[in-house]
Amino acid sequence: MIGQRYETSGAHFAFTDRWGGVSAVPYEELNLGGAVGDEPGAVRANRGRAAEALGLDPARVVWMNQVHGADVAEVDGPWETGEIPSVDAIVTARRGLALAVLTADCVPVLLADPVAGVVGAAHAGRPGMVAGVVPAAVKRMTELGARPERIVARTGPAVCGRCYEVPEAMRAEVAAVEPAAYAETSWGTPAVDVTAGVLAQLSRLGVTDIGASGVCTLESRDHYSYRRDRTTGRLAGYVWLI
């Protein structure tokens, strides 16, 4: 259920795998995405199970309507019904409020400055990484008092550069914006490494405490992968401060 979990100075980071939930095929088992065609009741139950496993109140977890952009929203509590905005990053200075990001190959980016009491979560697919969603999230965090050199950053399971095949023209376009994302598949064709691009962006911003999952979602049957399965569930990354 909780595939990876980290804790440092009161900041908590967690990434789910696909097991331990109630969703049926093809979403089995712990699908946490509410817009992929799964039964809504199953998604609610899964979100409750994941929150319970993390010691969180599911009503105090903030989700996003992700659209592969670079917009950031500041939150101080859960959204009212029907108010979830179309953003790809959220930040908060409210301790005890968990921020969540959904993925199934894209890079989930969790950020925390325990000293300032500020956390952020970002959804960095290829378009979002190119658009600068992670720098935008860090910028918004600094406006709330965070400092890049204090920020702890963790990225979760995502498709790796040796598996993310793209046309040559697309690789060139991405690399023109973020050279670190230039990659080649294990079979020798053009590829993009979104995680490497995100890590490079964080480093340039002055973030030094950076950790990456190392799990490739396309290769791992314990994780959802849109590129592998198309109709599938979504993993979640959570970040919060106590």
Protein backbone atom coordinates (compact mmCIF):
# COMPACT_ATOMS: atom_id res chain seq x y z
CA MET A 1 0.00 0.00 0.00
CA ILE A 2 2.62 2.55 1.08
CA GLY A 3 5.52 1.67 -1.15
CA GLN A 4 7.97 4.30 0.10
CA ARG A 5 7.94 6.61 3.08
CA TYR A 6 10.42 9.18 4.41
CA GLU A 7 10.53 11.43 7.45
CA THR A 8 12.89 14.26 8.33
CA SER A 9 12.60 17.03 10.93
CA GLY A 10 8.82 16.71 11.15
CA ALA A 11 8.31 16.57 7.38
CA HIS A 12 6.63 13.44 6.05
CA PHE A 13 6.74 12.08 2.49
CA ALA A 14 4.99 8.96 1.19
CA PHE A 15 4.35 7.25 -2.14
CA THR A 16 1.81 4.49 -2.68
CA ASP A 17 2.01 1.34 -4.77
CA ARG A 18 -1.03 -0.34 -6.35
CA TRP A 19 -1.85 -2.92 -3.67
CA GLY A 20 -4.12 -3.05 -0.63
CA GLY A 21 -7.24 -1.45 -2.08
CA VAL A 22 -10.68 -2.46 -3.28
CA SER A 23 -10.77 -1.45 -6.95
CA ALA A 24 -11.55 -4.11 -9.56
CA VAL A 25 -9.70 -4.86 -12.81
CA PRO A 26 -8.24 -2.91 -14.60
CA TYR A 27 -7.74 -0.54 -11.64
CA GLU A 28 -6.74 -3.15 -9.12
CA GLU A 29 -6.24 -2.52 -6.32
CA LEU A 30 -5.38 0.82 -4.70
CA ASN A 31 -6.45 3.27 -7.40
CA LEU A 32 -6.50 6.77 -5.91
CA GLY A 33 -7.47 8.65 -9.07
CA GLY A 34 -11.04 9.89 -9.30
CA ALA A 35 -11.07 10.69 -13.03
CA VAL A 36 -9.93 7.46 -14.67
CA GLY A 37 -13.23 5.58 -14.91
CA ASP A 38 -13.09 3.66 -11.63
CA GLU A 39 -16.10 3.31 -9.33
CA PRO A 40 -16.24 6.47 -7.15
CA GLY A 41 -17.05 4.47 -4.05
CA ALA A 42 -13.94 2.36 -4.56
CA VAL A 43 -11.78 5.46 -4.95
CA ARG A 44 -13.18 6.93 -1.71
CA ALA A 45 -12.52 3.67 0.10
CA ASN A 46 -8.99 3.50 -1.27
CA ARG A 47 -8.23 7.08 -0.27
CA GLY A 48 -9.50 6.30 3.20
CA ARG A 49 -7.31 3.21 3.47
CA ALA A 50 -4.21 5.05 2.29
CA ALA A 51 -4.82 7.94 4.69
CA GLU A 52 -5.37 5.54 7.58
CA ALA A 53 -2.11 3.74 6.78
CA LEU A 54 -0.32 7.11 6.98
CA GLY A 55 -2.09 8.24 10.15
CA LEU A 56 -3.94 10.97 8.25
CA ASP A 57 -7.54 12.14 8.27
CA PRO A 58 -8.75 11.59 4.67
CA ALA A 59 -10.84 14.75 4.98
CA ARG A 60 -7.61 16.71 5.56
CA VAL A 61 -5.92 15.62 2.32
CA VAL A 62 -5.90 18.16 -0.53
CA TRP A 63 -6.07 16.84 -4.11
CA MET A 64 -5.69 18.60 -7.45
CA ASN A 65 -7.39 18.62 -10.84
CA GLN A 66 -4.15 18.04 -12.77
CA VAL A 67 -3.86 19.33 -16.35
CA HIS A 68 -0.13 19.12 -17.27
CA GLY A 69 0.44 22.84 -16.73
CA ALA A 70 2.51 25.00 -14.41
CA ASP A 71 -0.11 26.77 -12.31
CA VAL A 72 0.22 26.67 -8.51
CA ALA A 73 -2.46 27.12 -5.85
CA GLU A 74 -1.92 28.03 -2.21
CA VAL A 75 -4.26 26.18 0.17
CA ASP A 76 -5.06 26.41 3.87
CA GLY A 77 -7.69 23.66 3.99
CA PRO A 78 -9.52 21.09 1.86
CA TRP A 79 -11.47 22.34 -1.14
CA GLU A 80 -15.19 22.80 -0.91
CA THR A 81 -17.19 20.42 -3.12
CA GLY A 82 -16.84 21.38 -6.76
CA GLU A 83 -14.07 23.91 -6.13
CA ILE A 84 -11.00 21.85 -7.03
CA PRO A 85 -8.98 24.05 -9.41
CA SER A 86 -7.07 22.98 -12.49
CA VAL A 87 -3.50 23.23 -11.22
CA ASP A 88 -0.43 21.02 -11.16
CA ALA A 89 1.08 22.18 -7.88
CA ILE A 90 -0.22 23.13 -4.47
CA VAL A 91 1.54 24.66 -1.47
CA THR A 92 0.54 25.30 2.11
CA ALA A 93 1.87 26.76 5.34
CA ARG A 94 -0.73 24.86 7.36
CA ARG A 95 0.77 22.10 9.51
CA GLY A 96 -1.23 18.88 9.60
CA LEU A 97 -2.70 19.48 6.15
CA ALA A 98 -1.56 16.82 3.68
CA LEU A 99 -1.04 17.62 0.00
CA ALA A 100 -1.47 14.86 -2.58
CA VAL A 101 -0.38 14.40 -6.19
CA LEU A 102 -1.60 11.68 -8.57
CA THR A 103 0.60 9.95 -11.16
CA ALA A 104 0.91 6.91 -13.39
CA ASP A 105 4.30 7.60 -15.12
CA CYS A 106 4.67 11.34 -14.49
CA VAL A 107 6.97 12.49 -11.70
CA PRO A 108 5.39 13.22 -8.31
CA VAL A 109 7.45 15.92 -6.59
CA LEU A 110 7.12 16.49 -2.84
CA LEU A 111 8.75 19.49 -1.17
CA ALA A 112 9.07 20.65 2.44
CA ASP A 113 10.84 23.34 4.43
CA PRO A 114 10.34 22.14 8.02
CA VAL A 115 11.82 25.33 9.48
CA ALA A 116 9.40 27.64 7.66
CA GLY A 117 6.53 25.16 8.01
CA VAL A 118 5.83 25.13 4.28
CA VAL A 119 5.19 22.15 2.01
CA GLY A 120 4.39 21.68 -1.66
CA ALA A 121 3.38 18.95 -4.09
CA ALA A 122 3.79 19.06 -7.86
CA HIS A 123 2.75 16.91 -10.82
CA ALA A 124 5.62 16.97 -13.32
CA GLY A 125 4.92 15.17 -16.54
CA ARG A 126 6.93 16.01 -19.63
CA PRO A 127 4.79 19.10 -20.44
CA GLY A 128 4.80 20.30 -16.84
CA MET A 129 8.55 19.85 -16.45
CA VAL A 130 9.12 21.84 -19.65
CA ALA A 131 6.65 24.52 -18.50
CA GLY A 132 8.45 24.83 -15.15
CA VAL A 133 5.87 23.57 -12.68
CA VAL A 134 8.52 22.62 -10.12
CA PRO A 135 10.32 26.00 -10.17
CA ALA A 136 6.89 27.64 -9.93
CA ALA A 137 6.07 25.56 -6.84
CA VAL A 138 9.39 26.41 -5.20
CA LYS A 139 8.87 30.10 -5.97
CA ARG A 140 5.44 30.01 -4.33
CA MET A 141 6.91 28.26 -1.30
CA THR A 142 9.57 30.96 -0.92
CA GLU A 143 6.81 33.58 -0.94
CA LEU A 144 5.48 31.80 2.16
CA GLY A 145 8.86 31.93 3.87
CA ALA A 146 10.63 28.82 2.61
CA ARG A 147 14.27 28.93 1.53
CA PRO A 148 15.62 26.67 -1.24
CA GLU A 149 18.65 25.60 0.79
CA ARG A 150 16.32 24.29 3.53
CA ILE A 151 13.85 22.55 1.22
CA VAL A 152 13.78 18.76 1.31
CA ALA A 153 12.70 17.32 -2.07
CA ARG A 154 11.62 13.78 -2.86
CA THR A 155 10.44 12.42 -6.21
CA GLY A 156 8.45 9.22 -6.49
CA PRO A 157 7.99 6.32 -8.90
CA ALA A 158 7.90 7.44 -12.54
CA VAL A 159 8.72 6.13 -15.98
CA CYS A 160 12.51 6.17 -16.38
CA GLY A 161 14.54 7.67 -19.19
CA ARG A 162 15.49 4.24 -20.51
CA CYS A 163 11.81 3.43 -21.05
CA TYR A 164 10.21 6.76 -22.04
CA GLU A 165 10.55 6.61 -25.83
CA VAL A 166 9.61 9.75 -27.77
CA PRO A 167 10.10 11.03 -31.35
CA GLU A 168 13.48 12.60 -32.03
CA ALA A 169 11.89 16.01 -32.59
CA MET A 170 10.20 15.87 -29.18
CA ARG A 171 13.43 14.92 -27.44
CA ALA A 172 15.14 17.87 -29.10
CA GLU A 173 12.37 20.25 -28.03
CA VAL A 174 12.52 19.07 -24.43
CA ALA A 175 16.32 19.10 -24.28
CA ALA A 176 16.38 22.65 -25.64
CA VAL A 177 14.55 23.69 -22.46
CA GLU A 178 16.09 21.17 -20.04
CA PRO A 179 19.28 19.46 -21.32
CA ALA A 180 19.35 17.06 -18.36
CA ALA A 181 16.19 15.39 -19.70
CA TYR A 182 17.91 14.21 -22.90
CA ALA A 183 17.92 10.40 -22.84
CA GLU A 184 18.07 7.21 -24.86
CA THR A 185 16.01 4.07 -24.36
CA SER A 186 17.64 0.79 -23.46
CA TRP A 187 17.00 -0.25 -27.08
CA GLY A 188 18.76 2.79 -28.52
CA THR A 189 15.96 5.16 -29.53
CA PRO A 190 15.25 8.78 -28.49
CA ALA A 191 13.86 9.22 -24.98
CA VAL A 192 13.14 11.79 -22.29
CA ASP A 193 14.10 11.46 -18.62
CA VAL A 194 11.62 13.66 -16.78
CA THR A 195 12.98 12.79 -13.33
CA ALA A 196 16.49 13.87 -14.37
CA GLY A 197 15.04 17.13 -15.68
CA VAL A 198 13.21 17.79 -12.41
CA LEU A 199 16.28 17.03 -10.32
CA ALA A 200 18.35 19.42 -12.44
CA GLN A 201 15.77 22.16 -12.01
CA LEU A 202 15.74 21.70 -8.25
CA SER A 203 19.52 21.78 -8.10
CA ARG A 204 19.71 25.03 -10.07
CA LEU A 205 17.20 26.57 -7.65
CA GLY A 206 19.55 25.84 -4.76
CA VAL A 207 17.76 22.78 -3.37
CA THR A 208 20.41 20.34 -2.16
CA ASP A 209 18.50 17.74 -0.12
CA ILE A 210 17.10 15.82 -3.08
CA GLY A 211 16.11 12.17 -3.28
CA ALA A 212 14.59 10.14 -6.12
CA SER A 213 12.62 6.90 -5.87
CA GLY A 214 14.49 4.82 -8.44
CA VAL A 215 11.31 2.86 -9.32
CA CYS A 216 10.32 2.85 -13.00
CA THR A 217 6.54 2.61 -13.20
CA LEU A 218 6.58 1.07 -16.66
CA GLU A 219 8.90 -1.72 -15.51
CA SER A 220 7.25 -2.32 -12.12
CA ARG A 221 4.06 -4.38 -11.93
CA ASP A 222 3.62 -3.05 -8.39
CA HIS A 223 2.85 0.39 -9.83
CA TYR A 224 0.40 1.87 -12.31
CA SER A 225 1.72 2.88 -15.74
CA TYR A 226 -0.38 4.71 -18.29
CA ARG A 227 2.17 4.10 -21.03
CA ARG A 228 2.09 0.37 -20.37
CA ASP A 229 -1.62 -0.22 -19.71
CA ARG A 230 -3.53 2.91 -20.86
CA THR A 231 -6.67 2.17 -18.83
CA THR A 232 -5.30 1.97 -15.31
CA GLY A 233 -5.29 3.52 -11.86
CA ARG A 234 -3.27 6.29 -10.26
CA LEU A 235 -0.63 6.29 -7.54
CA ALA A 236 -0.38 9.09 -4.99
CA GLY A 237 2.39 11.01 -3.31
CA TYR A 238 1.65 12.71 0.03
CA VAL A 239 3.55 15.41 1.91
CA TRP A 240 2.70 17.02 5.27
CA LEU A 241 4.22 18.57 8.36
CA ILE A 242 3.40 17.85 11.96
